Amino acid sequence: MNKSRDWNVVDDELNRKFKHLQELKSSLDDQSAELLLQNKDQNQEYSNDINYYKEFWRFYILNEMTIKKVNELHSQNQKLHELIAEIDKLQQELHQALSYRHKKKNRRTSQEIEKSFVCPYEKCNKQYGSDVSLNLHIKLKHDGGNKTDREKFAKMIIEAQQNGETITDLNINIKFPPGYLDQFKNQFMLSQQNQLNQERQSIEQD
């Protein structure tokens, strides 16, 4: 949305506008009534006791004041319509925003998903569109655990081999995918070698 407004402030502003409108209308009604009373005997015969020149200017001034009040009332009414139009616009924008939020997300069909993640187990040709789906399949269908479990147990096996410990003593209850241990071992050894190189460089710089 381009701008937002506190709806309580809008309500207060509308109430003030309506109140001012009513006050102006009441004032105009009072002045109109006064003019009618003053002009009720306007058809009476000419009287030497009345200063018609003075009366003319008095009525002229009252008429100008009335016109001014009418113009002010018109201006206030126009501002009120502008405010109502602004509120309508904000309500439409709010409705569009809520409609967009609740709009149902279009999901791809199974045929539209590119399934490039293939199950590594023998005689299993399952393919998936994401690594998450593949790992869930491995855990549920092949007892291969999740990705975190496989990495944890593979690291335990490699460290046990390095320390000359017996692997059978480890409590490992998952079935690794074919070639997983060799691949993880290579990555693990490479990571350790990089760490040693970094430590060696740090010592040489000191």
N, C-alpha and C. Protein backbone atom coordinates (compact mmCIF):
# COMPACT_ATOMS: atom_id res chain seq x y z
N MET A 1 0.83 -1.18 0.00
CA MET A 1 0.00 0.00 0.00
C MET A 1 0.87 1.24 0.00
N ASN A 2 0.34 2.34 -0.68
CA ASN A 2 1.16 3.53 -0.78
C ASN A 2 1.22 4.28 0.53
N LYS A 3 0.12 4.25 1.31
CA LYS A 3 0.13 4.92 2.60
C LYS A 3 -0.90 4.28 3.50
N SER A 4 -0.72 4.44 4.77
CA SER A 4 -1.63 3.84 5.74
C SER A 4 -2.17 4.94 6.62
N ARG A 5 -3.29 4.69 7.28
CA ARG A 5 -3.94 5.68 8.13
C ARG A 5 -4.53 5.00 9.34
N ASP A 6 -4.43 5.65 10.48
CA ASP A 6 -5.06 5.17 11.69
C ASP A 6 -6.56 5.38 11.56
N TRP A 7 -7.33 4.31 11.56
CA TRP A 7 -8.79 4.41 11.32
C TRP A 7 -9.49 5.19 12.43
N ASN A 8 -8.95 5.21 13.65
CA ASN A 8 -9.53 6.03 14.72
C ASN A 8 -9.37 7.51 14.39
N VAL A 9 -8.21 7.88 13.84
CA VAL A 9 -7.99 9.27 13.45
C VAL A 9 -8.94 9.66 12.34
N VAL A 10 -9.16 8.76 11.38
CA VAL A 10 -10.10 9.02 10.28
C VAL A 10 -11.50 9.24 10.82
N ASP A 11 -11.92 8.40 11.75
CA ASP A 11 -13.25 8.50 12.33
C ASP A 11 -13.42 9.82 13.07
N ASP A 12 -12.40 10.22 13.84
CA ASP A 12 -12.45 11.50 14.56
C ASP A 12 -12.53 12.67 13.58
N GLU A 13 -11.77 12.57 12.50
CA GLU A 13 -11.78 13.64 11.51
C GLU A 13 -13.14 13.76 10.84
N LEU A 14 -13.75 12.65 10.53
CA LEU A 14 -15.09 12.67 9.93
C LEU A 14 -16.11 13.28 10.89
N ASN A 15 -16.01 12.91 12.16
CA ASN A 15 -16.94 13.47 13.14
C ASN A 15 -16.79 14.97 13.26
N ARG A 16 -15.53 15.47 13.23
CA ARG A 16 -15.32 16.92 13.29
C ARG A 16 -15.90 17.62 12.07
N LYS A 17 -15.73 16.99 10.89
CA LYS A 17 -16.26 17.59 9.67
C LYS A 17 -17.79 17.65 9.71
N PHE A 18 -18.42 16.58 10.14
CA PHE A 18 -19.88 16.57 10.21
C PHE A 18 -20.40 17.58 11.23
N LYS A 19 -19.70 17.70 12.36
CA LYS A 19 -20.11 18.66 13.39
C LYS A 19 -20.01 20.08 12.86
N HIS A 20 -18.89 20.38 12.16
CA HIS A 20 -18.71 21.71 11.59
C HIS A 20 -19.77 21.99 10.54
N LEU A 21 -20.11 20.97 9.77
CA LEU A 21 -21.14 21.09 8.74
C LEU A 21 -22.49 21.44 9.36
N GLN A 22 -22.81 20.75 10.45
CA GLN A 22 -24.07 21.02 11.12
C GLN A 22 -24.11 22.43 11.71
N GLU A 23 -22.96 22.88 12.26
CA GLU A 23 -22.90 24.23 12.83
C GLU A 23 -23.11 25.29 11.75
N LEU A 24 -22.47 25.08 10.58
CA LEU A 24 -22.64 26.03 9.48
C LEU A 24 -24.08 26.06 8.99
N LYS A 25 -24.68 24.87 8.89
CA LYS A 25 -26.08 24.80 8.44
C LYS A 25 -27.00 25.51 9.42
N SER A 26 -26.75 25.29 10.70
CA SER A 26 -27.58 25.95 11.73
C SER A 26 -27.42 27.46 11.67
N SER A 27 -26.16 27.92 11.45
CA SER A 27 -25.91 29.36 11.35
C SER A 27 -26.62 29.96 10.15
N LEU A 28 -26.57 29.25 9.02
CA LEU A 28 -27.25 29.74 7.81
C LEU A 28 -28.76 29.78 8.00
N ASP A 29 -29.29 28.77 8.67
CA ASP A 29 -30.74 28.74 8.92
C ASP A 29 -31.16 29.92 9.78
N ASP A 30 -30.33 30.22 10.81
CA ASP A 30 -30.65 31.36 11.69
C ASP A 30 -30.61 32.67 10.93
N GLN A 31 -29.59 32.82 10.07
CA GLN A 31 -29.49 34.06 9.30
C GLN A 31 -30.63 34.18 8.30
N SER A 32 -31.02 33.06 7.71
CA SER A 32 -32.13 33.08 6.75
C SER A 32 -33.42 33.48 7.45
N ALA A 33 -33.62 32.95 8.64
CA ALA A 33 -34.82 33.30 9.40
C ALA A 33 -34.83 34.79 9.75
N GLU A 34 -33.64 35.30 10.12
CA GLU A 34 -33.53 36.72 10.47
C GLU A 34 -33.84 37.59 9.26
N LEU A 35 -33.34 37.20 8.10
CA LEU A 35 -33.61 37.97 6.89
C LEU A 35 -35.09 37.96 6.53
N LEU A 36 -35.74 36.83 6.74
CA LEU A 36 -37.17 36.75 6.45
C LEU A 36 -37.97 37.67 7.35
N LEU A 37 -37.58 37.70 8.63
CA LEU A 37 -38.27 38.59 9.58
C LEU A 37 -38.04 40.06 9.24
N GLN A 38 -36.82 40.36 8.81
CA GLN A 38 -36.51 41.75 8.48
C GLN A 38 -37.22 42.21 7.23
N ASN A 39 -37.49 41.26 6.31
CA ASN A 39 -38.10 41.63 5.03
C ASN A 39 -39.60 41.38 4.96
N LYS A 40 -40.19 41.00 6.08
CA LYS A 40 -41.62 40.62 6.03
C LYS A 40 -42.51 41.81 5.67
N ASP A 41 -42.03 43.02 6.01
CA ASP A 41 -42.84 44.21 5.70
C ASP A 41 -42.25 45.01 4.56
N GLN A 42 -41.54 44.37 3.66
CA GLN A 42 -40.83 45.09 2.61
C GLN A 42 -41.77 45.75 1.60
N ASN A 43 -43.04 45.28 1.53
CA ASN A 43 -44.00 45.85 0.57
C ASN A 43 -44.82 47.00 1.17
N GLN A 44 -44.45 47.38 2.39
CA GLN A 44 -45.22 48.47 3.02
C GLN A 44 -44.89 49.79 2.32
N GLU A 45 -45.71 50.76 2.52
CA GLU A 45 -45.55 52.05 1.87
C GLU A 45 -44.28 52.75 2.35
N TYR A 46 -43.82 53.70 1.51
CA TYR A 46 -42.63 54.47 1.83
C TYR A 46 -42.82 55.23 3.12
N SER A 47 -41.75 55.19 3.96
CA SER A 47 -41.83 55.87 5.25
C SER A 47 -40.64 56.81 5.39
N ASN A 48 -40.92 58.03 5.81
CA ASN A 48 -39.85 59.00 6.02
C ASN A 48 -38.98 58.65 7.23
N ASP A 49 -39.48 57.75 8.07
CA ASP A 49 -38.73 57.39 9.27
C ASP A 49 -37.63 56.35 8.99
N ILE A 50 -37.63 55.77 7.79
CA ILE A 50 -36.66 54.72 7.45
C ILE A 50 -35.58 55.29 6.55
N ASN A 51 -34.31 55.00 6.92
CA ASN A 51 -33.17 55.41 6.09
C ASN A 51 -32.92 54.26 5.11
N TYR A 52 -33.53 54.39 3.92
CA TYR A 52 -33.46 53.30 2.96
C TYR A 52 -32.04 53.08 2.43
N TYR A 53 -31.27 54.13 2.35
CA TYR A 53 -29.88 53.98 1.90
C TYR A 53 -29.08 53.12 2.89
N LYS A 54 -29.29 53.40 4.16
CA LYS A 54 -28.62 52.63 5.20
C LYS A 54 -29.10 51.18 5.21
N GLU A 55 -30.44 51.02 5.02
CA GLU A 55 -31.01 49.67 5.01
C GLU A 55 -30.48 48.86 3.82
N PHE A 56 -30.30 49.57 2.70
CA PHE A 56 -29.78 48.89 1.52
C PHE A 56 -28.40 48.29 1.81
N TRP A 57 -27.52 49.09 2.38
CA TRP A 57 -26.18 48.61 2.67
C TRP A 57 -26.16 47.55 3.77
N ARG A 58 -27.11 47.68 4.67
CA ARG A 58 -27.18 46.64 5.72
C ARG A 58 -27.54 45.29 5.10
N PHE A 59 -28.55 45.33 4.22
CA PHE A 59 -28.95 44.07 3.56
C PHE A 59 -27.85 43.59 2.59
N TYR A 60 -27.15 44.52 1.99
CA TYR A 60 -26.06 44.14 1.09
C TYR A 60 -24.96 43.40 1.85
N ILE A 61 -24.60 43.95 3.01
CA ILE A 61 -23.56 43.32 3.82
C ILE A 61 -24.01 41.95 4.32
N LEU A 62 -25.30 41.88 4.76
CA LEU A 62 -25.82 40.58 5.20
C LEU A 62 -25.81 39.57 4.06
N ASN A 63 -26.12 40.02 2.87
CA ASN A 63 -26.11 39.13 1.71
C ASN A 63 -24.69 38.63 1.41
N GLU A 64 -23.70 39.54 1.50
CA GLU A 64 -22.31 39.15 1.27
C GLU A 64 -21.85 38.14 2.32
N MET A 65 -22.25 38.38 3.57
CA MET A 65 -21.89 37.44 4.63
C MET A 65 -22.52 36.07 4.38
N THR A 66 -23.77 36.10 3.89
CA THR A 66 -24.45 34.83 3.61
C THR A 66 -23.76 34.08 2.47
N ILE A 67 -23.37 34.84 1.44
CA ILE A 67 -22.66 34.22 0.31
C ILE A 67 -21.34 33.62 0.78
N LYS A 68 -20.63 34.35 1.66
CA LYS A 68 -19.37 33.86 2.18
C LYS A 68 -19.56 32.56 2.95
N LYS A 69 -20.62 32.52 3.78
CA LYS A 69 -20.90 31.30 4.55
C LYS A 69 -21.25 30.14 3.63
N VAL A 70 -22.01 30.43 2.55
CA VAL A 70 -22.37 29.38 1.59
C VAL A 70 -21.13 28.83 0.90
N ASN A 71 -20.21 29.74 0.55
CA ASN A 71 -18.96 29.30 -0.08
C ASN A 71 -18.13 28.45 0.88
N GLU A 72 -18.08 28.87 2.15
CA GLU A 72 -17.35 28.08 3.15
C GLU A 72 -17.99 26.71 3.32
N LEU A 73 -19.32 26.70 3.32
CA LEU A 73 -20.02 25.42 3.45
C LEU A 73 -19.74 24.53 2.25
N HIS A 74 -19.71 25.13 1.06
CA HIS A 74 -19.40 24.35 -0.15
C HIS A 74 -17.99 23.79 -0.09
N SER A 75 -17.04 24.62 0.40
CA SER A 75 -15.65 24.17 0.51
C SER A 75 -15.52 23.02 1.50
N GLN A 76 -16.20 23.16 2.66
CA GLN A 76 -16.17 22.10 3.66
C GLN A 76 -16.80 20.81 3.11
N ASN A 77 -17.87 20.97 2.36
CA ASN A 77 -18.54 19.81 1.77
C ASN A 77 -17.64 19.12 0.75
N GLN A 78 -16.91 19.92 -0.03
CA GLN A 78 -16.00 19.36 -1.02
C GLN A 78 -14.86 18.60 -0.33
N LYS A 79 -14.31 19.17 0.75
CA LYS A 79 -13.25 18.49 1.49
C LYS A 79 -13.77 17.19 2.10
N LEU A 80 -15.01 17.21 2.55
CA LEU A 80 -15.60 16.01 3.13
C LEU A 80 -15.72 14.90 2.08
N HIS A 81 -16.13 15.28 0.86
CA HIS A 81 -16.23 14.29 -0.22
C HIS A 81 -14.84 13.75 -0.58
N GLU A 82 -13.82 14.63 -0.56
CA GLU A 82 -12.46 14.18 -0.85
C GLU A 82 -11.98 13.20 0.21
N LEU A 83 -12.32 13.48 1.47
CA LEU A 83 -11.92 12.58 2.55
C LEU A 83 -12.62 11.23 2.42
N ILE A 84 -13.89 11.25 2.07
CA ILE A 84 -14.65 10.01 1.88
C ILE A 84 -14.05 9.20 0.72
N ALA A 85 -13.68 9.92 -0.35
CA ALA A 85 -13.07 9.23 -1.50
C ALA A 85 -11.73 8.62 -1.11
N GLU A 86 -10.97 9.33 -0.27
CA GLU A 86 -9.69 8.80 0.18
C GLU A 86 -9.88 7.54 1.03
N ILE A 87 -10.90 7.58 1.89
CA ILE A 87 -11.20 6.41 2.73
C ILE A 87 -11.62 5.23 1.87
N ASP A 88 -12.45 5.48 0.86
CA ASP A 88 -12.86 4.41 -0.06
C ASP A 88 -11.66 3.80 -0.76
N LYS A 89 -10.71 4.67 -1.17
CA LYS A 89 -9.52 4.17 -1.85
C LYS A 89 -8.69 3.29 -0.92
N LEU A 90 -8.53 3.74 0.34
CA LEU A 90 -7.77 2.96 1.30
C LEU A 90 -8.45 1.62 1.59
N GLN A 91 -9.77 1.63 1.65
CA GLN A 91 -10.50 0.39 1.88
C GLN A 91 -10.31 -0.57 0.71
N GLN A 92 -10.31 -0.05 -0.51
CA GLN A 92 -10.07 -0.89 -1.69
C GLN A 92 -8.67 -1.48 -1.67
N GLU A 93 -7.67 -0.65 -1.29
CA GLU A 93 -6.30 -1.14 -1.22
C GLU A 93 -6.17 -2.21 -0.15
N LEU A 94 -6.85 -2.00 1.00
CA LEU A 94 -6.82 -3.00 2.06
C LEU A 94 -7.47 -4.30 1.60
N HIS A 95 -8.59 -4.19 0.90
CA HIS A 95 -9.27 -5.39 0.39
C HIS A 95 -8.39 -6.14 -0.60
N GLN A 96 -7.70 -5.40 -1.49
CA GLN A 96 -6.81 -6.03 -2.46
C GLN A 96 -5.63 -6.72 -1.77
N ALA A 97 -5.10 -6.06 -0.72
CA ALA A 97 -3.97 -6.65 0.01
C ALA A 97 -4.39 -7.94 0.71
N LEU A 98 -5.58 -7.92 1.33
CA LEU A 98 -6.07 -9.13 2.01
C LEU A 98 -6.37 -10.23 1.01
N SER A 99 -6.92 -9.85 -0.14
CA SER A 99 -7.22 -10.85 -1.18
C SER A 99 -5.93 -11.49 -1.69
N TYR A 100 -4.89 -10.66 -1.86
CA TYR A 100 -3.61 -11.18 -2.35
C TYR A 100 -2.99 -12.11 -1.33
N ARG A 101 -3.13 -11.75 -0.03
CA ARG A 101 -2.55 -12.59 1.02
C ARG A 101 -3.21 -13.95 1.06
N HIS A 102 -4.53 -13.98 0.88
CA HIS A 102 -5.26 -15.25 0.99
C HIS A 102 -5.38 -15.97 -0.35
N LYS A 103 -4.76 -15.39 -1.39
CA LYS A 103 -4.82 -16.04 -2.70
C LYS A 103 -4.07 -17.35 -2.65
N LYS A 104 -4.71 -18.38 -3.12
CA LYS A 104 -4.10 -19.71 -3.06
C LYS A 104 -2.90 -19.78 -3.97
N LYS A 105 -1.79 -20.24 -3.43
CA LYS A 105 -0.55 -20.35 -4.19
C LYS A 105 -0.64 -21.48 -5.21
N ASN A 106 -0.27 -21.14 -6.44
CA ASN A 106 -0.28 -22.15 -7.50
C ASN A 106 0.90 -23.10 -7.31
N ARG A 107 0.61 -24.37 -7.24
CA ARG A 107 1.65 -25.38 -7.04
C ARG A 107 1.87 -26.15 -8.34
N ARG A 108 3.14 -26.49 -8.57
CA ARG A 108 3.46 -27.26 -9.77
C ARG A 108 2.97 -28.70 -9.64
N THR A 109 2.57 -29.25 -10.76
CA THR A 109 2.16 -30.65 -10.77
C THR A 109 3.40 -31.53 -10.75
N SER A 110 3.18 -32.82 -10.49
CA SER A 110 4.29 -33.77 -10.43
C SER A 110 5.03 -33.83 -11.76
N GLN A 111 4.30 -33.66 -12.86
CA GLN A 111 4.93 -33.73 -14.18
C GLN A 111 5.78 -32.49 -14.46
N GLU A 112 5.47 -31.36 -13.81
CA GLU A 112 6.20 -30.13 -14.06
C GLU A 112 7.50 -30.03 -13.25
N ILE A 113 7.66 -30.87 -12.25
CA ILE A 113 8.84 -30.82 -11.38
C ILE A 113 9.98 -31.62 -12.02
N GLU A 114 11.14 -30.98 -12.12
CA GLU A 114 12.31 -31.67 -12.65
C GLU A 114 12.92 -32.55 -11.56
N LYS A 115 12.87 -33.85 -11.77
CA LYS A 115 13.32 -34.81 -10.76
C LYS A 115 14.76 -35.23 -11.06
N SER A 116 15.70 -34.47 -10.51
CA SER A 116 17.12 -34.72 -10.78
C SER A 116 17.83 -35.38 -9.59
N PHE A 117 17.11 -35.67 -8.52
CA PHE A 117 17.71 -36.32 -7.34
C PHE A 117 17.32 -37.80 -7.35
N VAL A 118 18.31 -38.66 -7.67
CA VAL A 118 18.05 -40.09 -7.87
C VAL A 118 18.48 -40.88 -6.64
N CYS A 119 17.69 -41.85 -6.26
CA CYS A 119 18.00 -42.70 -5.11
C CYS A 119 19.26 -43.52 -5.42
N PRO A 120 20.26 -43.53 -4.53
CA PRO A 120 21.53 -44.23 -4.81
C PRO A 120 21.49 -45.73 -4.53
N TYR A 121 20.44 -46.22 -3.91
CA TYR A 121 20.39 -47.64 -3.55
C TYR A 121 20.12 -48.48 -4.79
N GLU A 122 20.68 -49.68 -4.78
CA GLU A 122 20.52 -50.58 -5.92
C GLU A 122 19.07 -51.02 -6.07
N LYS A 123 18.67 -51.19 -7.30
CA LYS A 123 17.34 -51.66 -7.66
C LYS A 123 16.24 -50.70 -7.17
N CYS A 124 16.60 -49.47 -6.95
CA CYS A 124 15.61 -48.45 -6.59
C CYS A 124 15.76 -47.29 -7.56
N ASN A 125 14.80 -47.10 -8.37
CA ASN A 125 14.88 -46.09 -9.43
C ASN A 125 14.08 -44.83 -9.10
N LYS A 126 13.83 -44.59 -7.84
CA LYS A 126 13.04 -43.43 -7.45
C LYS A 126 13.82 -42.14 -7.73
N GLN A 127 13.10 -41.14 -8.24
CA GLN A 127 13.68 -39.83 -8.51
C GLN A 127 12.80 -38.75 -7.86
N TYR A 128 13.46 -37.69 -7.38
CA TYR A 128 12.75 -36.64 -6.65
C TYR A 128 13.19 -35.26 -7.13
N GLY A 129 12.36 -34.30 -6.83
CA GLY A 129 12.62 -32.93 -7.27
C GLY A 129 13.45 -32.12 -6.29
N SER A 130 13.74 -32.65 -5.12
CA SER A 130 14.54 -31.91 -4.15
C SER A 130 15.35 -32.88 -3.29
N ASP A 131 16.43 -32.34 -2.71
CA ASP A 131 17.28 -33.12 -1.84
C ASP A 131 16.53 -33.53 -0.57
N VAL A 132 15.63 -32.68 -0.12
CA VAL A 132 14.85 -32.98 1.09
C VAL A 132 13.96 -34.20 0.87
N SER A 133 13.29 -34.25 -0.29
CA SER A 133 12.42 -35.38 -0.59
C SER A 133 13.21 -36.67 -0.72
N LEU A 134 14.39 -36.58 -1.34
CA LEU A 134 15.23 -37.77 -1.49
C LEU A 134 15.69 -38.29 -0.12
N ASN A 135 16.13 -37.40 0.76
CA ASN A 135 16.59 -37.81 2.08
C ASN A 135 15.46 -38.43 2.90
N LEU A 136 14.25 -37.91 2.75
CA LEU A 136 13.11 -38.51 3.45
C LEU A 136 12.84 -39.92 2.93
N HIS A 137 12.97 -40.12 1.62
CA HIS A 137 12.80 -41.44 1.02
C HIS A 137 13.86 -42.41 1.56
N ILE A 138 15.12 -41.95 1.63
CA ILE A 138 16.21 -42.80 2.12
C ILE A 138 15.96 -43.21 3.57
N LYS A 139 15.48 -42.29 4.36
CA LYS A 139 15.24 -42.58 5.78
C LYS A 139 14.09 -43.57 5.96
N LEU A 140 12.98 -43.37 5.22
CA LEU A 140 11.79 -44.18 5.43
C LEU A 140 11.86 -45.53 4.70
N LYS A 141 12.41 -45.56 3.51
CA LYS A 141 12.38 -46.78 2.69
C LYS A 141 13.64 -47.63 2.80
N HIS A 142 14.77 -47.03 3.15
CA HIS A 142 16.03 -47.79 3.17
C HIS A 142 16.72 -47.78 4.53
N ASP A 143 16.06 -47.26 5.54
CA ASP A 143 16.65 -47.18 6.89
C ASP A 143 18.02 -46.49 6.87
N GLY A 144 18.14 -45.50 5.99
CA GLY A 144 19.42 -44.80 5.84
C GLY A 144 19.57 -43.58 6.73
N GLY A 145 18.58 -43.34 7.60
CA GLY A 145 18.65 -42.18 8.47
C GLY A 145 18.56 -40.88 7.68
N ASN A 146 18.56 -39.77 8.41
CA ASN A 146 18.57 -38.49 7.71
C ASN A 146 20.00 -38.06 7.42
N LYS A 147 20.15 -36.94 6.76
CA LYS A 147 21.47 -36.49 6.33
C LYS A 147 22.39 -36.25 7.52
N THR A 148 21.85 -35.69 8.59
CA THR A 148 22.66 -35.42 9.78
C THR A 148 23.15 -36.71 10.42
N ASP A 149 22.26 -37.71 10.51
CA ASP A 149 22.65 -39.00 11.09
C ASP A 149 23.75 -39.67 10.28
N ARG A 150 23.62 -39.64 8.96
CA ARG A 150 24.62 -40.30 8.11
C ARG A 150 26.00 -39.64 8.28
N GLU A 151 26.00 -38.31 8.32
CA GLU A 151 27.28 -37.61 8.50
C GLU A 151 27.88 -37.90 9.87
N LYS A 152 27.06 -37.96 10.91
CA LYS A 152 27.56 -38.22 12.27
C LYS A 152 28.16 -39.60 12.38
N PHE A 153 27.43 -40.62 11.90
CA PHE A 153 27.94 -41.99 12.01
C PHE A 153 29.14 -42.23 11.10
N ALA A 154 29.14 -41.61 9.92
CA ALA A 154 30.28 -41.77 9.02
C ALA A 154 31.54 -41.18 9.65
N LYS A 155 31.39 -40.05 10.32
CA LYS A 155 32.54 -39.44 11.00
C LYS A 155 33.03 -40.32 12.13
N MET A 156 32.12 -40.95 12.88
CA MET A 156 32.50 -41.87 13.95
C MET A 156 33.31 -43.04 13.41
N ILE A 157 32.87 -43.56 12.27
CA ILE A 157 33.56 -44.71 11.67
C ILE A 157 34.98 -44.33 11.24
N ILE A 158 35.10 -43.18 10.58
CA ILE A 158 36.42 -42.74 10.09
C ILE A 158 37.37 -42.47 11.25
N GLU A 159 36.89 -41.79 12.29
CA GLU A 159 37.73 -41.51 13.46
C GLU A 159 38.13 -42.81 14.17
N ALA A 160 37.20 -43.78 14.21
CA ALA A 160 37.52 -45.08 14.82
C ALA A 160 38.61 -45.79 14.02
N GLN A 161 38.53 -45.73 12.70
CA GLN A 161 39.55 -46.36 11.86
C GLN A 161 40.90 -45.69 12.06
N GLN A 162 40.91 -44.36 12.18
CA GLN A 162 42.16 -43.65 12.39
C GLN A 162 42.79 -43.99 13.74
N ASN A 163 41.94 -44.26 14.74
CA ASN A 163 42.43 -44.58 16.08
C ASN A 163 42.65 -46.08 16.30
N GLY A 164 42.41 -46.88 15.26
CA GLY A 164 42.60 -48.31 15.37
C GLY A 164 41.54 -49.01 16.18
N GLU A 165 40.39 -48.39 16.31
CA GLU A 165 39.31 -49.01 17.08
C GLU A 165 38.48 -49.92 16.20
N THR A 166 37.73 -50.81 16.85
CA THR A 166 36.87 -51.75 16.12
C THR A 166 35.54 -51.10 15.79
N ILE A 167 35.21 -51.12 14.51
CA ILE A 167 33.98 -50.47 14.06
C ILE A 167 32.75 -51.18 14.60
N THR A 168 32.85 -52.48 14.77
CA THR A 168 31.69 -53.24 15.24
C THR A 168 31.25 -52.84 16.63
N ASP A 169 32.15 -52.19 17.38
CA ASP A 169 31.77 -51.76 18.73
C ASP A 169 30.88 -50.50 18.70
N LEU A 170 30.84 -49.84 17.55
CA LEU A 170 30.01 -48.63 17.45
C LEU A 170 28.54 -49.00 17.27
N ASN A 171 27.69 -48.26 17.94
CA ASN A 171 26.25 -48.53 17.86
C ASN A 171 25.67 -47.78 16.66
N ILE A 172 25.80 -48.39 15.48
CA ILE A 172 25.32 -47.77 14.25
C ILE A 172 24.14 -48.58 13.72
N ASN A 173 22.99 -47.91 13.60
CA ASN A 173 21.77 -48.64 13.21
C ASN A 173 21.16 -48.09 11.92
N ILE A 174 22.01 -47.60 11.01
CA ILE A 174 21.51 -47.14 9.73
C ILE A 174 22.26 -47.86 8.61
N LYS A 175 21.64 -47.88 7.43
CA LYS A 175 22.26 -48.50 6.26
C LYS A 175 22.70 -47.39 5.29
N PHE A 176 24.03 -47.22 5.19
CA PHE A 176 24.54 -46.16 4.32
C PHE A 176 24.26 -46.46 2.85
N PRO A 177 23.98 -45.44 2.05
CA PRO A 177 23.83 -45.65 0.61
C PRO A 177 25.14 -46.16 0.01
N PRO A 178 25.11 -46.88 -1.09
CA PRO A 178 26.33 -47.41 -1.72
C PRO A 178 27.33 -46.29 -2.03
N GLY A 179 28.58 -46.52 -1.60
CA GLY A 179 29.64 -45.56 -1.88
C GLY A 179 29.63 -44.33 -1.00
N TYR A 180 28.68 -44.25 -0.06
CA TYR A 180 28.59 -43.05 0.77
C TYR A 180 29.80 -42.88 1.68
N LEU A 181 30.22 -44.00 2.33
CA LEU A 181 31.33 -43.91 3.28
C LEU A 181 32.63 -43.48 2.59
N ASP A 182 32.91 -44.03 1.42
CA ASP A 182 34.14 -43.66 0.70
C ASP A 182 34.10 -42.18 0.29
N GLN A 183 32.96 -41.76 -0.17
CA GLN A 183 32.82 -40.35 -0.58
C GLN A 183 32.97 -39.42 0.61
N PHE A 184 32.33 -39.77 1.73
CA PHE A 184 32.42 -38.93 2.92
C PHE A 184 33.84 -38.92 3.48
N LYS A 185 34.51 -40.10 3.40
CA LYS A 185 35.88 -40.19 3.91
C LYS A 185 36.81 -39.26 3.13
N ASN A 186 36.66 -39.25 1.82
CA ASN A 186 37.49 -38.37 1.00
C ASN A 186 37.28 -36.90 1.35
N GLN A 187 36.00 -36.54 1.52
CA GLN A 187 35.69 -35.15 1.89
C GLN A 187 36.22 -34.82 3.28
N PHE A 188 36.10 -35.78 4.20
CA PHE A 188 36.55 -35.57 5.57
C PHE A 188 38.07 -35.40 5.63
N MET A 189 38.77 -36.24 4.91
CA MET A 189 40.23 -36.17 4.90
C MET A 189 40.71 -34.87 4.24
N LEU A 190 40.02 -34.47 3.19
CA LEU A 190 40.38 -33.23 2.52
C LEU A 190 40.15 -32.03 3.44
N SER A 191 39.06 -32.08 4.19
CA SER A 191 38.76 -31.01 5.14
C SER A 191 39.83 -30.92 6.23
N GLN A 192 40.24 -32.09 6.74
CA GLN A 192 41.28 -32.11 7.78
C GLN A 192 42.61 -31.58 7.23
N GLN A 193 42.93 -31.95 5.99
CA GLN A 193 44.18 -31.50 5.38
C GLN A 193 44.17 -29.98 5.20
N ASN A 194 43.04 -29.44 4.78
CA ASN A 194 42.93 -27.98 4.61
C ASN A 194 43.07 -27.27 5.95
N GLN A 195 42.50 -27.86 6.99
CA GLN A 195 42.61 -27.26 8.31
C GLN A 195 44.06 -27.26 8.80
N LEU A 196 44.78 -28.38 8.56
CA LEU A 196 46.19 -28.44 8.95
C LEU A 196 47.03 -27.42 8.18
N ASN A 197 46.73 -27.24 6.91
CA ASN A 197 47.46 -26.27 6.10
C ASN A 197 47.24 -24.85 6.61
N GLN A 198 45.99 -24.55 6.99
CA GLN A 198 45.69 -23.23 7.52
C GLN A 198 46.40 -22.98 8.84
N GLU A 199 46.44 -24.03 9.70
CA GLU A 199 47.13 -23.87 10.98
C GLU A 199 48.64 -23.69 10.76
N ARG A 200 49.19 -24.41 9.79
CA ARG A 200 50.62 -24.33 9.50
C ARG A 200 50.96 -22.91 9.00
N GLN A 201 50.12 -22.40 8.11
CA GLN A 201 50.35 -21.05 7.58
C GLN A 201 50.24 -20.00 8.68
N SER A 202 49.30 -20.22 9.59
CA SER A 202 49.14 -19.27 10.69
C SER A 202 50.35 -19.25 11.60
N ILE A 203 50.94 -20.45 11.84
CA ILE A 203 52.13 -20.54 12.68
C ILE A 203 53.32 -19.88 12.00
N GLU A 204 53.45 -20.10 10.68
CA GLU A 204 54.58 -19.53 9.94
C GLU A 204 54.51 -18.00 9.90
N GLN A 205 53.31 -17.47 9.83
CA GLN A 205 53.15 -16.01 9.79
C GLN A 205 53.49 -15.37 11.13
N ASP A 206 53.18 -16.12 12.22
CA ASP A 206 53.52 -15.60 13.55
C ASP A 206 55.02 -15.59 13.76
